[in-house]
């Protein structure tokens, strides 16, 4: 439903609160006048942009988590969890190494520091702004919705805000385009596994010699992780395999092309069919969905980050300017800082999946641009829970 529909179902008390936020001048006892005044005010771009311009970063992160999903309703528990995910702890960071300054004697009482709003207070604030509405009857009474037209306006307003801070360039003289390479290497992996008895260690990973031989067959060369390097969170055997190979292995297992039986890696009937035929229709989309699913736990807002890269990279854009815009929305994950997550876990994996081209500009450094196939895949798939 759109904002006008949801306002029509809202009671006069909620309408009065929304009207107060936007300083609407109208008869507060007339539901019709309240609705018309709110719609007239919210439709103004200057008012809408001013509201977004005054939002705190944690509020923007919370809003961002609601903008790119196909789902239309959220439970209170889900919204509370999203508010908590939006708090990275950086808003309250203080210098602990230096001793606190001595308080000067003063007759005036020191003003108390502003108290951080609770998740429920944040949700209530969004309700008072007319950005969240409760369901109005039956079991939906306890679910919350964002008006569809407001979602579109939020996305467009934030897109313009982000784009104004980006550095766009002409096409670089050299760039990487890995479209179809991952699918070619799936066949290479299955062909090698079918013709060789790949033995597995006690933890289920391949012995090092098999990994090295496979890497030599792949279209993209990677190095095995260094000994003692902390790696976890992005796949079954992520601590043993490099990034791209780890994902490729997990996708083949997910697609039931391979199975791990009695310490030996076996190619299934489906895997043998995959060797003999062209990649199945829709495999590129399935690979993108599975990547979202696999990486969603360490990067909860991965879907929105991918959509922002999609929206902001229709032309060649520098990675440095993208970093400045998107880093505030990326929460570090243990040993992975926000920069590593953006560049290695998101941008490079999008390159490997054929969604992005990666180039090197002689003046502006590393640049990226969405591929035509990448635009079609990302714009065509927007799922709250990617397909299992």
Protein backbone atom coordinates (compact mmCIF):
# COMPACT_ATOMS: atom_id res chain seq x y z
CA UNK A 1 0.00 0.00 0.00
CA UNK A 2 1.02 3.61 -0.55
CA UNK A 3 1.15 6.37 2.05
CA UNK A 4 -2.32 7.70 1.17
CA UNK A 5 -3.85 4.25 1.73
CA UNK A 6 -2.15 3.77 5.09
CA UNK A 7 -3.11 7.25 6.28
CA UNK A 8 -6.72 6.40 5.46
CA UNK A 9 -6.59 3.44 7.86
CA UNK A 10 -4.72 5.28 10.63
CA UNK A 11 -6.61 6.66 13.61
CA UNK A 12 -6.82 10.38 14.26
CA UNK A 13 -4.31 10.19 17.11
CA UNK A 14 -1.57 8.83 14.85
CA UNK A 15 -2.50 11.33 12.14
CA UNK A 16 -2.17 14.17 14.66
CA UNK A 17 1.31 12.97 15.67
CA UNK A 18 2.43 12.80 12.02
CA UNK A 19 0.96 16.27 11.36
CA UNK A 20 2.88 17.66 14.36
CA UNK A 21 6.18 16.27 13.02
CA UNK A 22 5.64 18.01 9.66
CA UNK A 23 4.13 21.14 11.29
CA UNK A 24 0.98 20.90 9.23
CA UNK A 25 -1.50 23.71 9.72
CA UNK A 26 -4.97 22.25 9.53
CA UNK A 27 -8.04 21.31 11.57
CA UNK A 28 -6.71 18.66 13.97
CA UNK A 29 -10.23 17.29 14.51
CA UNK A 30 -10.85 16.52 10.84
CA UNK A 31 -9.33 13.24 9.66
CA UNK A 32 -9.73 14.24 6.02
CA UNK A 33 -7.97 17.58 6.51
CA UNK A 34 -5.15 15.91 8.43
CA UNK A 35 -4.61 13.37 5.64
CA UNK A 36 -4.66 15.99 2.88
CA UNK A 37 -2.31 18.29 4.79
CA UNK A 38 0.17 15.47 5.51
CA UNK A 39 0.16 14.29 1.90
CA UNK A 40 0.64 17.84 0.62
CA UNK A 41 3.59 18.45 2.95
CA UNK A 42 5.33 15.10 2.49
CA UNK A 43 5.08 15.39 -1.31
CA UNK A 44 7.41 18.41 -1.20
CA UNK A 45 10.99 17.38 -1.98
CA UNK A 46 12.52 20.02 0.29
CA UNK A 47 10.58 18.71 3.30
CA UNK A 48 11.39 15.10 2.50
CA UNK A 49 15.10 15.78 1.97
CA UNK A 50 15.27 17.89 5.14
CA UNK A 51 13.89 14.96 7.15
CA UNK A 52 16.54 12.62 5.75
CA UNK A 53 19.26 15.26 6.12
CA UNK A 54 18.72 15.50 9.87
CA UNK A 55 18.71 11.73 10.51
CA UNK A 56 21.46 10.17 12.62
CA UNK A 57 23.64 7.50 11.01
CA UNK A 58 22.06 4.67 12.99
CA UNK A 59 18.61 5.81 11.82
CA UNK A 60 19.84 5.87 8.21
CA UNK A 61 21.24 2.36 8.60
CA UNK A 62 17.93 1.16 10.02
CA UNK A 63 16.02 2.81 7.17
CA UNK A 64 18.47 1.37 4.64
CA UNK A 65 17.73 -2.16 5.89
CA UNK A 66 14.07 -1.77 4.82
CA UNK A 67 14.48 -0.35 1.32
CA UNK A 68 15.41 -3.22 -1.00
CA UNK A 69 13.43 -6.22 0.19
CA UNK A 70 10.43 -7.76 -1.52
CA UNK A 71 8.74 -8.46 1.81
CA UNK A 72 5.98 -6.04 2.77
CA UNK A 73 5.66 -6.50 6.55
CA UNK A 74 7.88 -6.83 9.61
CA UNK A 75 7.30 -8.04 13.14
CA UNK A 76 8.25 -5.85 16.11
CA UNK A 77 10.99 -8.32 17.02
CA UNK A 78 12.44 -8.10 13.51
CA UNK A 79 12.47 -4.29 13.60
CA UNK A 80 14.13 -4.27 17.04
CA UNK A 81 16.86 -6.60 15.72
CA UNK A 82 17.41 -4.29 12.74
CA UNK A 83 17.80 -1.26 14.99
CA UNK A 84 20.35 -3.18 17.05
CA UNK A 85 22.25 -4.23 13.91
CA UNK A 86 22.31 -0.56 12.88
CA UNK A 87 24.28 0.34 15.99
CA UNK A 88 27.93 -0.31 15.32
CA UNK A 89 29.14 1.10 18.63
CA UNK A 90 31.00 3.91 16.85
CA UNK A 91 28.51 6.52 18.03
CA UNK A 92 29.62 6.03 21.63
CA UNK A 93 33.37 5.48 21.16
CA UNK A 94 35.46 7.47 23.60
CA UNK A 95 39.17 7.81 24.17
CA UNK A 96 39.96 5.47 27.06
CA UNK A 97 43.74 5.81 26.92
CA UNK A 98 43.72 9.44 28.01
CA UNK A 99 42.49 10.29 31.52
CA UNK A 100 39.23 12.24 31.67
CA UNK A 101 39.70 16.00 32.01
CA UNK A 102 39.24 17.43 35.48
CA UNK A 103 35.89 19.04 35.95
CA UNK A 104 36.02 22.77 36.51
CA UNK A 105 34.16 24.10 39.48
CA UNK A 106 31.04 25.83 38.44
CA UNK A 107 27.84 26.88 40.09
CA UNK A 108 25.95 25.67 37.03
CA UNK A 109 25.13 21.98 36.86
CA UNK A 110 26.72 20.12 34.00
CA UNK A 111 24.16 19.27 31.34
CA UNK A 112 23.47 15.51 31.21
CA UNK A 113 24.53 13.74 28.04
CA UNK A 114 21.64 12.95 25.71
CA UNK A 115 20.32 9.47 26.36
CA UNK A 116 20.42 7.03 23.47
CA UNK A 117 16.96 6.08 22.28
CA UNK A 118 15.88 2.49 22.77
CA UNK A 119 14.99 0.38 19.70
CA UNK A 120 11.29 0.76 20.56
CA UNK A 121 11.72 4.55 20.72
CA UNK A 122 13.36 4.53 17.27
CA UNK A 123 10.45 2.51 15.87
CA UNK A 124 7.96 4.88 17.52
CA UNK A 125 9.80 7.85 15.99
CA UNK A 126 9.51 6.29 12.52
CA UNK A 127 5.78 5.76 13.15
CA UNK A 128 5.35 9.41 14.13
CA UNK A 129 7.04 10.45 10.88
CA UNK A 130 4.59 8.33 8.87
CA UNK A 131 7.34 6.00 7.69
CA UNK A 132 6.09 2.91 9.54
CA UNK A 133 2.51 1.79 10.06
CA UNK A 134 0.94 -1.03 12.05
CA UNK A 135 -1.36 -3.50 10.35
CA UNK A 136 -4.98 -2.53 10.81
CA UNK A 137 -6.92 -5.76 11.38
CA UNK A 138 -6.65 -9.45 12.16
CA UNK A 139 -3.22 -11.04 12.59
CA UNK A 140 -1.62 -8.16 10.69
CA UNK A 141 -2.28 -5.82 13.62
CA UNK A 142 1.11 -6.72 15.05
CA UNK A 143 3.05 -6.31 11.82
CA UNK A 144 4.63 -3.12 10.49
CA UNK A 145 4.77 -1.83 6.93
CA UNK A 146 6.63 0.87 5.01
CA UNK A 147 4.49 2.63 2.35
CA UNK A 148 5.63 1.52 -1.12
CA UNK A 149 5.77 5.03 -2.57
CA UNK A 150 7.88 6.22 0.37
CA UNK A 151 10.30 3.34 -0.19
CA UNK A 152 10.80 4.52 -3.77
CA UNK A 153 11.29 8.12 -2.67
CA UNK A 154 13.77 7.11 0.04
CA UNK A 155 15.80 5.13 -2.49
CA UNK A 156 15.84 7.96 -5.02
CA UNK A 157 16.64 10.64 -2.43
CA UNK A 158 19.52 8.62 -0.98
CA UNK A 159 20.75 7.73 -4.48
CA UNK A 160 21.00 11.42 -5.39
CA UNK A 161 22.73 12.15 -2.09
CA UNK A 162 25.28 9.37 -2.60
CA UNK A 163 25.83 10.09 -6.31
CA UNK A 164 26.70 13.72 -5.55
CA UNK A 165 29.71 12.46 -3.55
CA UNK A 166 31.01 10.02 -6.19
CA UNK A 167 33.77 10.41 -8.77
CA UNK A 168 32.78 9.14 -12.23
CA UNK A 169 35.35 8.59 -14.99
CA UNK A 170 35.64 7.56 -18.60
CA UNK A 171 36.29 3.92 -19.52
CA UNK A 172 39.72 2.74 -18.30
CA UNK A 173 42.19 1.36 -20.85
CA UNK A 174 42.23 -2.03 -19.11
CA UNK A 175 39.50 -3.80 -17.16
CA UNK A 176 38.51 -7.29 -15.96
CA UNK A 177 35.22 -8.89 -17.01
CA UNK A 178 34.74 -12.37 -15.56
CA UNK A 179 31.30 -13.15 -16.98
CA UNK A 180 30.89 -16.93 -17.45
CA UNK A 181 34.34 -17.68 -15.95
CA UNK A 182 32.86 -18.95 -12.69
CA UNK A 183 30.51 -21.23 -14.61
CA UNK A 184 33.40 -22.49 -16.75
CA UNK A 185 35.38 -23.24 -13.60
CA UNK A 186 32.46 -25.14 -12.07
CA UNK A 187 32.76 -27.51 -15.00
CA UNK A 188 36.55 -27.66 -14.58
CA UNK A 189 36.12 -28.52 -10.88
CA UNK A 190 33.52 -31.23 -11.54
CA UNK A 191 35.56 -32.70 -14.41
CA UNK A 192 38.66 -32.92 -12.20
CA UNK A 193 36.69 -34.38 -9.27
CA UNK A 194 35.06 -36.98 -11.53
CA UNK A 195 38.35 -38.20 -12.99
CA UNK A 196 40.36 -38.09 -9.76
CA UNK A 197 39.75 -39.55 -6.34
CA UNK A 198 39.85 -36.46 -4.15
CA UNK A 199 40.47 -37.49 -0.56
CA UNK A 200 39.18 -35.34 2.28
CA UNK A 201 40.77 -34.57 5.63
CA UNK A 202 39.07 -35.23 8.96
CA UNK A 203 37.41 -31.78 8.85
CA UNK A 204 35.99 -32.42 5.35
CA UNK A 205 38.34 -30.18 3.36
CA UNK A 206 40.44 -31.32 0.40
CA UNK A 207 44.08 -32.14 0.91
CA UNK A 208 46.38 -29.32 -0.14
CA UNK A 209 47.73 -31.05 -3.26
CA UNK A 210 44.21 -31.36 -4.71
CA UNK A 211 43.47 -27.70 -3.98
CA UNK A 212 46.69 -26.62 -5.72
CA UNK A 213 45.95 -28.76 -8.79
CA UNK A 214 42.43 -27.35 -9.02
CA UNK A 215 43.62 -23.76 -8.71
CA UNK A 216 45.95 -24.36 -11.64
CA UNK A 217 42.96 -25.35 -13.81
CA UNK A 218 40.78 -22.36 -12.94
CA UNK A 219 40.46 -19.26 -15.12
CA UNK A 220 41.21 -17.00 -12.13
CA UNK A 221 44.38 -17.75 -10.19
CA UNK A 222 44.27 -17.51 -6.41
CA UNK A 223 46.70 -18.33 -3.63
CA UNK A 224 45.87 -20.66 -0.77
CA UNK A 225 45.36 -18.89 2.58
CA UNK A 226 48.50 -18.39 4.63
CA UNK A 227 49.19 -20.66 7.55
CA UNK A 228 47.59 -19.33 10.73
CA UNK A 229 45.46 -16.76 8.89
CA UNK A 230 42.14 -16.18 10.66
CA UNK A 231 39.35 -16.95 8.19
CA UNK A 232 35.77 -17.90 8.99
CA UNK A 233 32.16 -16.93 8.40
CA UNK A 234 31.94 -17.10 4.59
CA UNK A 235 31.52 -20.78 3.82
CA UNK A 236 32.05 -24.41 4.88
CA UNK A 237 35.82 -24.57 4.33
CA UNK A 238 36.61 -20.87 4.01
CA UNK A 239 39.59 -21.31 6.34
CA UNK A 240 41.21 -23.74 3.86
CA UNK A 241 40.36 -22.29 0.43
CA UNK A 242 40.80 -18.83 -1.14
CA UNK A 243 37.70 -16.64 -1.51
CA UNK A 244 36.52 -17.53 -5.01
CA UNK A 245 37.35 -21.23 -4.77
CA UNK A 246 35.63 -21.47 -1.40
CA UNK A 247 32.42 -20.03 -2.85
CA UNK A 248 32.66 -22.24 -5.96
CA UNK A 249 32.99 -25.36 -3.79
CA UNK A 250 30.06 -24.36 -1.58
CA UNK A 251 27.83 -23.59 -4.57
CA UNK A 252 28.56 -27.00 -6.10
CA UNK A 253 27.66 -28.62 -2.78
CA UNK A 254 24.50 -26.50 -2.50
CA UNK A 255 23.49 -27.39 -6.10
CA UNK A 256 24.05 -31.08 -5.27
CA UNK A 257 26.75 -31.42 -7.93
CA UNK A 258 29.07 -32.99 -5.34
CA UNK A 259 28.78 -34.97 -2.11
CA UNK A 260 31.25 -35.75 0.67
CA UNK A 261 31.13 -39.50 1.29
CA UNK A 262 33.49 -41.57 3.45
CA UNK A 263 36.33 -39.03 3.27
CA UNK A 264 36.11 -38.88 -0.54
CA UNK A 265 34.63 -36.13 -2.73
CA UNK A 266 32.12 -37.66 -5.17
CA UNK A 267 30.44 -36.12 -8.21
CA UNK A 268 26.69 -36.79 -8.17
CA UNK A 269 24.48 -37.66 -11.13
CA UNK A 270 23.48 -33.99 -11.34
CA UNK A 271 27.15 -33.08 -11.35
CA UNK A 272 27.87 -35.49 -14.21
CA UNK A 273 25.02 -33.96 -16.20
CA UNK A 274 26.49 -30.52 -15.50
CA UNK A 275 29.85 -31.67 -16.95
CA UNK A 276 28.26 -32.97 -20.15
CA UNK A 277 25.94 -30.04 -20.90
CA UNK A 278 25.99 -26.25 -21.07
CA UNK A 279 25.31 -24.34 -17.83
CA UNK A 280 21.61 -24.69 -17.00
CA UNK A 281 19.24 -21.81 -17.60
CA UNK A 282 19.20 -19.46 -14.62
CA UNK A 283 22.43 -20.73 -13.05
CA UNK A 284 23.91 -17.21 -12.91
CA UNK A 285 20.86 -16.02 -10.95
CA UNK A 286 21.10 -19.04 -8.64
CA UNK A 287 24.77 -18.28 -7.99
CA UNK A 288 23.90 -14.70 -7.07
CA UNK A 289 21.08 -15.83 -4.74
CA UNK A 290 23.31 -18.36 -3.06
CA UNK A 291 26.06 -15.78 -2.54
CA UNK A 292 23.54 -13.51 -0.79
CA UNK A 293 22.50 -16.40 1.43
CA UNK A 294 26.06 -17.52 2.21
CA UNK A 295 27.38 -14.06 3.05
CA UNK A 296 24.26 -12.69 4.76
CA UNK A 297 25.24 -13.82 8.25
CA UNK A 298 28.53 -11.85 8.46
CA UNK A 299 27.10 -8.99 6.33
CA UNK A 300 23.42 -8.61 7.40
CA UNK A 301 22.76 -5.67 5.04
CA UNK A 302 24.48 -7.27 2.04
CA UNK A 303 21.36 -7.00 -0.15
CA UNK A 304 21.10 -3.23 0.29
CA UNK A 305 24.85 -2.73 -0.27
CA UNK A 306 24.69 -4.69 -3.54
CA UNK A 307 21.71 -2.63 -4.66
CA UNK A 308 23.55 0.61 -3.89
CA UNK A 309 26.55 -0.53 -5.92
CA UNK A 310 24.11 -1.45 -8.70
CA UNK A 311 22.40 1.96 -8.54
CA UNK A 312 25.63 3.98 -8.30
CA UNK A 313 27.79 2.07 -10.82
CA UNK A 314 25.85 2.39 -14.07
CA UNK A 315 28.91 4.30 -15.29
CA UNK A 316 32.58 3.84 -14.36
CA UNK A 317 33.05 5.06 -10.79
CA UNK A 318 36.10 5.07 -8.55
CA UNK A 319 36.22 2.52 -5.76
CA UNK A 320 37.67 5.19 -3.48
CA UNK A 321 34.56 7.39 -3.80
CA UNK A 322 32.27 4.36 -3.40
CA UNK A 323 34.18 3.51 -0.24
CA UNK A 324 33.56 6.94 1.26
CA UNK A 325 29.81 6.64 0.63
CA UNK A 326 29.25 3.01 1.68
CA UNK A 327 31.74 2.37 4.50
CA UNK A 328 29.48 4.00 7.16
CA UNK A 329 26.87 1.31 6.36
CA UNK A 330 29.25 -1.66 6.75
CA UNK A 331 29.73 -3.19 10.18
CA UNK A 332 33.12 -4.87 10.79
CA UNK A 333 33.00 -8.64 11.25
CA UNK A 334 35.63 -9.91 13.68
CA UNK A 335 38.96 -9.70 11.78
CA UNK A 336 37.35 -8.22 8.67
CA UNK A 337 37.25 -4.43 8.77
CA UNK A 338 34.70 -2.44 6.76
CA UNK A 339 37.25 -1.81 3.97
CA UNK A 340 38.03 -5.53 3.62
CA UNK A 341 34.32 -6.41 3.56
CA UNK A 342 33.59 -3.85 0.85
CA UNK A 343 36.56 -4.60 -1.39
CA UNK A 344 37.13 -8.34 -0.92
CA UNK A 345 33.80 -9.81 0.22
CA UNK A 346 31.48 -7.63 -1.87
CA UNK A 347 33.15 -5.90 -4.83
CA UNK A 348 35.56 -8.72 -5.75
CA UNK A 349 32.89 -11.39 -5.34
CA UNK A 350 30.58 -9.34 -7.58
CA UNK A 351 33.41 -9.29 -10.14
CA UNK A 352 33.83 -13.08 -9.85
CA UNK A 353 30.06 -13.54 -10.29
CA UNK A 354 30.14 -11.44 -13.48
CA UNK A 355 28.07 -8.64 -11.96
CA UNK A 356 30.81 -5.98 -12.02
CA UNK A 357 33.70 -5.02 -14.28
CA UNK A 358 36.88 -3.95 -12.49
CA UNK A 359 39.31 -1.55 -14.15
CA UNK A 360 42.42 0.47 -13.42
CA UNK A 361 42.31 4.14 -14.41
CA UNK A 362 45.69 5.87 -14.93
CA UNK A 363 44.58 8.95 -12.96
CA UNK A 364 41.84 7.80 -10.62
CA UNK A 365 42.94 4.31 -9.60
CA UNK A 366 40.58 1.37 -9.31
CA UNK A 367 37.17 1.82 -10.96
CA UNK A 368 34.10 -0.42 -11.34
CA UNK A 369 30.97 -0.58 -13.48
CA UNK A 370 28.01 -2.94 -13.49
CA UNK A 371 27.81 -5.36 -16.41
CA UNK A 372 24.64 -5.58 -18.48
CA UNK A 373 24.00 -9.08 -17.10
CA UNK A 374 24.71 -7.83 -13.58
CA UNK A 375 22.12 -5.07 -13.88
CA UNK A 376 19.53 -7.57 -15.08
CA UNK A 377 20.26 -10.07 -12.30
CA UNK A 378 20.39 -7.59 -9.40
CA UNK A 379 17.35 -5.57 -10.51
CA UNK A 380 15.38 -8.76 -11.14
CA UNK A 381 16.10 -10.37 -7.77
CA UNK A 382 15.22 -8.60 -4.53
CA UNK A 383 14.48 -11.17 -1.86
CA UNK A 384 14.22 -10.84 1.90
CA UNK A 385 15.35 -14.45 2.21
CA UNK A 386 17.37 -15.64 -0.81
CA UNK A 387 16.36 -18.99 -2.24
CA UNK A 388 17.87 -21.92 -0.35
